[in-house]
Amino acid sequence: MSTVHAVVESPLGALTLVARDDALTALHFADGRHRGQEPGERTTTPLLAEARRQLAEYFDRRRTEFDLPLAPEGEPFQLRVWALLREIPFGATRTYGELARQLGHVRYAQAVGAANGRNPLPVIVPCHRVIGADGGLTGYAGGLDRKRSLLALEEPPAEDAGRLF
């Protein structure tokens, strides 16, 4: 297995994309817990170039979902949570409790929160769309300022705010 990485500039700061073989395995913020620990050589591959393109489209509000091969590494429960995160539509939010109910038990809310916090592909797997039961912003591996920025990016443009569809 060949692991490579590339650094992408974004409105959130530098992002490091990590890929193994033909799938993305991680996205790290420049000041995050994995800073400076990226495995493999820094390079460009067709997959990393496509991920860079899709991220640029997302930050330009021209893309609402990512279409990239992903291979996050985690426990089976974490993988189930991360799959649910990908089902949250652009511009929508869910609470930890709602995701726990989808998994079959409301008491899983804390476990959902823990899995959400270990999401290795933030932005692409939209863990920023998960909020507290009271509608407040809760933790985010990239920091609450980045979470606010991502949620604001996904809000409808101001000219559409009052329009009925």
C-alpha atoms as a PDB file:
ATOM      1  CA  MET A   1       0.000   0.000   0.000  1.00  0.00           C
ATOM      2  CA  SER A   2       1.337   3.385  -1.019  1.00  0.00           C
ATOM      3  CA  THR A   3       0.493   6.409   1.154  1.00  0.00           C
ATOM      4  CA  VAL A   4       0.809   9.931  -0.219  1.00  0.00           C
ATOM      5  CA  HIS A   5      -0.278  13.355   0.886  1.00  0.00           C
ATOM      6  CA  ALA A   6      -0.783  16.844  -0.519  1.00  0.00           C
ATOM      7  CA  VAL A   7      -1.347  20.225   1.088  1.00  0.00           C
ATOM      8  CA  VAL A   8      -4.302  22.258  -0.158  1.00  0.00           C
ATOM      9  CA  GLU A   9      -4.893  25.911   0.671  1.00  0.00           C
ATOM     10  CA  SER A  10      -8.451  26.736   1.707  1.00  0.00           C
ATOM     11  CA  PRO A  11     -10.440  29.462   3.480  1.00  0.00           C
ATOM     12  CA  LEU A  12      -9.960  27.328   6.621  1.00  0.00           C
ATOM     13  CA  GLY A  13      -6.183  27.382   6.267  1.00  0.00           C
ATOM     14  CA  ALA A  14      -3.938  24.669   4.891  1.00  0.00           C
ATOM     15  CA  LEU A  15      -5.524  21.220   4.656  1.00  0.00           C
ATOM     16  CA  THR A  16      -3.484  18.061   4.254  1.00  0.00           C
ATOM     17  CA  LEU A  17      -5.096  15.313   2.224  1.00  0.00           C
ATOM     18  CA  VAL A  18      -3.836  11.786   2.852  1.00  0.00           C
ATOM     19  CA  ALA A  19      -4.487   8.939   0.417  1.00  0.00           C
ATOM     20  CA  ARG A  20      -3.622   5.277   0.435  1.00  0.00           C
ATOM     21  CA  ASP A  21      -3.768   3.461  -2.857  1.00  0.00           C
ATOM     22  CA  ASP A  22      -6.920   4.730  -4.583  1.00  0.00           C
ATOM     23  CA  ALA A  23      -8.856   6.281  -1.672  1.00  0.00           C
ATOM     24  CA  LEU A  24      -8.636   9.234   0.701  1.00  0.00           C
ATOM     25  CA  THR A  25      -7.984   8.182   4.271  1.00  0.00           C
ATOM     26  CA  ALA A  26      -7.670  11.524   6.059  1.00  0.00           C
ATOM     27  CA  LEU A  27      -7.885  15.299   5.905  1.00  0.00           C
ATOM     28  CA  HIS A  28      -5.965  17.250   8.556  1.00  0.00           C
ATOM     29  CA  PHE A  29      -6.101  20.910   9.519  1.00  0.00           C
ATOM     30  CA  ALA A  30      -2.696  22.616   9.613  1.00  0.00           C
ATOM     31  CA  ASP A  31      -2.997  23.248  13.347  1.00  0.00           C
ATOM     32  CA  GLY A  32      -4.721  19.968  14.164  1.00  0.00           C
ATOM     33  CA  ARG A  33      -3.600  17.031  16.223  1.00  0.00           C
ATOM     34  CA  HIS A  34      -1.950  15.292  13.230  1.00  0.00           C
ATOM     35  CA  ARG A  35       0.078  18.314  12.122  1.00  0.00           C
ATOM     36  CA  GLY A  36       3.461  17.229  10.834  1.00  0.00           C
ATOM     37  CA  GLN A  37       2.608  13.524  11.121  1.00  0.00           C
ATOM     38  CA  GLU A  38       1.417  12.931   7.568  1.00  0.00           C
ATOM     39  CA  PRO A  39       2.664   9.584   6.299  1.00  0.00           C
ATOM     40  CA  GLY A  40       4.121   8.927   2.902  1.00  0.00           C
ATOM     41  CA  GLU A  41       5.541  11.265   0.342  1.00  0.00           C
ATOM     42  CA  ARG A  42       4.103  14.655  -0.529  1.00  0.00           C
ATOM     43  CA  THR A  43       3.010  14.456  -4.129  1.00  0.00           C
ATOM     44  CA  THR A  44       0.147  14.839  -6.545  1.00  0.00           C
ATOM     45  CA  THR A  45      -1.880  11.933  -7.847  1.00  0.00           C
ATOM     46  CA  PRO A  46      -5.063  12.003  -9.911  1.00  0.00           C
ATOM     47  CA  LEU A  47      -7.056  11.307  -6.732  1.00  0.00           C
ATOM     48  CA  LEU A  48      -5.412  14.141  -4.782  1.00  0.00           C
ATOM     49  CA  ALA A  49      -5.888  16.504  -7.735  1.00  0.00           C
ATOM     50  CA  GLU A  50      -9.576  15.575  -7.907  1.00  0.00           C
ATOM     51  CA  ALA A  51      -9.974  16.067  -4.163  1.00  0.00           C
ATOM     52  CA  ARG A  52      -8.323  19.485  -4.463  1.00  0.00           C
ATOM     53  CA  ARG A  53     -10.714  20.397  -7.315  1.00  0.00           C
ATOM     54  CA  GLN A  54     -13.791  19.272  -5.404  1.00  0.00           C
ATOM     55  CA  LEU A  55     -12.726  21.134  -2.253  1.00  0.00           C
ATOM     56  CA  ALA A  56     -12.216  24.333  -4.297  1.00  0.00           C
ATOM     57  CA  GLU A  57     -15.711  23.912  -5.781  1.00  0.00           C
ATOM     58  CA  TYR A  58     -17.167  23.351  -2.313  1.00  0.00           C
ATOM     59  CA  PHE A  59     -15.526  26.480  -0.902  1.00  0.00           C
ATOM     60  CA  ASP A  60     -16.763  28.426  -3.965  1.00  0.00           C
ATOM     61  CA  ARG A  61     -20.327  27.186  -3.270  1.00  0.00           C
ATOM     62  CA  ARG A  62     -20.421  25.247  -6.552  1.00  0.00           C
ATOM     63  CA  ARG A  63     -20.446  21.777  -4.931  1.00  0.00           C
ATOM     64  CA  THR A  64     -22.791  20.472  -2.268  1.00  0.00           C
ATOM     65  CA  GLU A  65     -21.444  16.935  -1.884  1.00  0.00           C
ATOM     66  CA  PHE A  66     -18.201  15.142  -2.524  1.00  0.00           C
ATOM     67  CA  ASP A  67     -17.775  12.265  -4.943  1.00  0.00           C
ATOM     68  CA  LEU A  68     -14.467  10.771  -3.913  1.00  0.00           C
ATOM     69  CA  PRO A  69     -13.370   7.252  -2.964  1.00  0.00           C
ATOM     70  CA  LEU A  70     -12.961   7.213   0.812  1.00  0.00           C
ATOM     71  CA  ALA A  71     -11.343   4.659   3.100  1.00  0.00           C
ATOM     72  CA  PRO A  72     -11.418   6.055   6.634  1.00  0.00           C
ATOM     73  CA  GLU A  73      -9.942   3.763   9.250  1.00  0.00           C
ATOM     74  CA  GLY A  74     -11.950   3.170  12.390  1.00  0.00           C
ATOM     75  CA  GLU A  75     -13.967   0.823  14.543  1.00  0.00           C
ATOM     76  CA  PRO A  76     -17.208  -0.584  13.083  1.00  0.00           C
ATOM     77  CA  PHE A  77     -19.360   1.805  15.171  1.00  0.00           C
ATOM     78  CA  GLN A  78     -17.309   4.798  14.011  1.00  0.00           C
ATOM     79  CA  LEU A  79     -17.676   3.704  10.386  1.00  0.00           C
ATOM     80  CA  ARG A  80     -21.473   3.533  10.844  1.00  0.00           C
ATOM     81  CA  VAL A  81     -21.527   7.049  12.303  1.00  0.00           C
ATOM     82  CA  TRP A  82     -19.322   8.425   9.538  1.00  0.00           C
ATOM     83  CA  ALA A  83     -21.610   6.840   6.939  1.00  0.00           C
ATOM     84  CA  LEU A  84     -24.590   8.620   8.547  1.00  0.00           C
ATOM     85  CA  LEU A  85     -22.723  11.916   8.444  1.00  0.00           C
ATOM     86  CA  ARG A  86     -22.436  11.604   4.667  1.00  0.00           C
ATOM     87  CA  GLU A  87     -26.232  11.385   4.486  1.00  0.00           C
ATOM     88  CA  ILE A  88     -26.765  14.797   6.115  1.00  0.00           C
ATOM     89  CA  PRO A  89     -27.635  17.123   3.221  1.00  0.00           C
ATOM     90  CA  PHE A  90     -25.701  20.278   2.428  1.00  0.00           C
ATOM     91  CA  GLY A  91     -27.109  23.137   4.497  1.00  0.00           C
ATOM     92  CA  ALA A  92     -28.842  20.841   6.995  1.00  0.00           C
ATOM     93  CA  THR A  93     -27.893  19.872  10.522  1.00  0.00           C
ATOM     94  CA  ARG A  94     -28.613  16.933  12.798  1.00  0.00           C
ATOM     95  CA  THR A  95     -28.190  16.480  16.521  1.00  0.00           C
ATOM     96  CA  TYR A  96     -26.157  13.756  18.166  1.00  0.00           C
ATOM     97  CA  GLY A  97     -29.434  12.355  19.513  1.00  0.00           C
ATOM     98  CA  GLU A  98     -31.002  12.192  16.051  1.00  0.00           C
ATOM     99  CA  LEU A  99     -28.023  10.245  14.751  1.00  0.00           C
ATOM    100  CA  ALA A 100     -28.155   7.973  17.805  1.00  0.00           C
ATOM    101  CA  ARG A 101     -31.824   7.214  17.083  1.00  0.00           C
ATOM    102  CA  GLN A 102     -30.907   6.362  13.494  1.00  0.00           C
ATOM    103  CA  LEU A 103     -28.403   3.885  14.905  1.00  0.00           C
ATOM    104  CA  GLY A 104     -31.095   2.308  17.027  1.00  0.00           C
ATOM    105  CA  HIS A 105     -30.793   3.800  20.497  1.00  0.00           C
ATOM    106  CA  VAL A 106     -31.014   7.327  21.876  1.00  0.00           C
ATOM    107  CA  ARG A 107     -28.446   6.425  24.564  1.00  0.00           C
ATOM    108  CA  TYR A 108     -25.786   6.255  21.853  1.00  0.00           C
ATOM    109  CA  ALA A 109     -25.625  10.076  21.673  1.00  0.00           C
ATOM    110  CA  GLN A 110     -22.332  10.329  23.580  1.00  0.00           C
ATOM    111  CA  ALA A 111     -20.803   7.527  21.538  1.00  0.00           C
ATOM    112  CA  VAL A 112     -21.951   9.311  18.384  1.00  0.00           C
ATOM    113  CA  GLY A 113     -20.237  12.453  19.672  1.00  0.00           C
ATOM    114  CA  ALA A 114     -17.022  10.560  20.322  1.00  0.00           C
ATOM    115  CA  ALA A 115     -17.079   8.987  16.843  1.00  0.00           C
ATOM    116  CA  ASN A 116     -17.897  12.360  15.304  1.00  0.00           C
ATOM    117  CA  GLY A 117     -14.853  13.854  17.018  1.00  0.00           C
ATOM    118  CA  ARG A 118     -12.620  11.150  15.551  1.00  0.00           C
ATOM    119  CA  ASN A 119     -13.812  11.632  11.972  1.00  0.00           C
ATOM    120  CA  PRO A 120     -10.599  11.455   9.927  1.00  0.00           C
ATOM    121  CA  LEU A 121     -12.126  13.266   6.926  1.00  0.00           C
ATOM    122  CA  PRO A 122     -13.685  16.505   8.219  1.00  0.00           C
ATOM    123  CA  VAL A 123     -15.309  18.739   5.599  1.00  0.00           C
ATOM    124  CA  ILE A 124     -15.592  15.813   3.153  1.00  0.00           C
ATOM    125  CA  VAL A 125     -17.448  13.705   5.728  1.00  0.00           C
ATOM    126  CA  PRO A 126     -19.485  16.615   7.141  1.00  0.00           C
ATOM    127  CA  CYS A 127     -19.166  16.235  10.904  1.00  0.00           C
ATOM    128  CA  HIS A 128     -19.553  20.033  11.136  1.00  0.00           C
ATOM    129  CA  ARG A 129     -23.280  19.506  10.434  1.00  0.00           C
ATOM    130  CA  VAL A 130     -23.823  17.874  13.840  1.00  0.00           C
ATOM    131  CA  ILE A 131     -25.007  20.196  16.595  1.00  0.00           C
ATOM    132  CA  GLY A 132     -26.135  19.950  20.203  1.00  0.00           C
ATOM    133  CA  ALA A 133     -29.709  19.112  21.214  1.00  0.00           C
ATOM    134  CA  ASP A 134     -30.321  22.783  22.047  1.00  0.00           C
ATOM    135  CA  GLY A 135     -29.192  23.859  18.570  1.00  0.00           C
ATOM    136  CA  GLY A 136     -25.867  25.144  19.870  1.00  0.00           C
ATOM    137  CA  LEU A 137     -22.508  24.441  18.372  1.00  0.00           C
ATOM    138  CA  THR A 138     -20.545  21.811  20.187  1.00  0.00           C
ATOM    139  CA  GLY A 139     -16.969  20.657  19.727  1.00  0.00           C
ATOM    140  CA  TYR A 140     -15.259  20.381  16.385  1.00  0.00           C
ATOM    141  CA  ALA A 141     -11.798  18.960  15.786  1.00  0.00           C
ATOM    142  CA  GLY A 142     -10.954  21.975  13.643  1.00  0.00           C
ATOM    143  CA  GLY A 143     -12.242  24.429  16.238  1.00  0.00           C
ATOM    144  CA  LEU A 144     -15.611  26.123  16.604  1.00  0.00           C
ATOM    145  CA  ASP A 145     -14.576  29.036  14.360  1.00  0.00           C
ATOM    146  CA  ARG A 146     -14.083  26.616  11.472  1.00  0.00           C
ATOM    147  CA  LYS A 147     -17.370  24.883  12.268  1.00  0.00           C
ATOM    148  CA  ARG A 148     -19.173  28.264  12.180  1.00  0.00           C
ATOM    149  CA  SER A 149     -17.467  29.085   8.885  1.00  0.00           C
ATOM    150  CA  LEU A 150     -18.506  25.790   7.303  1.00  0.00           C
ATOM    151  CA  LEU A 151     -22.112  26.117   8.469  1.00  0.00           C
ATOM    152  CA  ALA A 152     -22.230  29.726   7.220  1.00  0.00           C
ATOM    153  CA  LEU A 153     -20.827  28.621   3.853  1.00  0.00           C
ATOM    154  CA  GLU A 154     -23.727  26.183   3.549  1.00  0.00           C
ATOM    155  CA  GLU A 155     -26.441  28.744   4.358  1.00  0.00           C
ATOM    156  CA  PRO A 156     -28.594  29.908   1.434  1.00  0.00           C
ATOM    157  CA  PRO A 157     -27.368  33.130  -0.184  1.00  0.00           C
ATOM    158  CA  ALA A 158     -28.961  36.241   1.345  1.00  0.00           C
ATOM    159  CA  GLU A 159     -31.042  36.959  -1.793  1.00  0.00           C
ATOM    160  CA  ASP A 160     -32.728  33.549  -1.386  1.00  0.00           C
ATOM    161  CA  ALA A 161     -33.399  33.935   2.336  1.00  0.00           C
ATOM    162  CA  GLY A 162     -36.882  35.424   1.964  1.00  0.00           C
ATOM    163  CA  ARG A 163     -37.898  33.724  -1.255  1.00  0.00           C
ATOM    164  CA  LEU A 164     -40.532  30.981  -1.209  1.00  0.00           C
ATOM    165  CA  PHE A 165     -39.835  28.032  -3.469  1.00  0.00           C
END
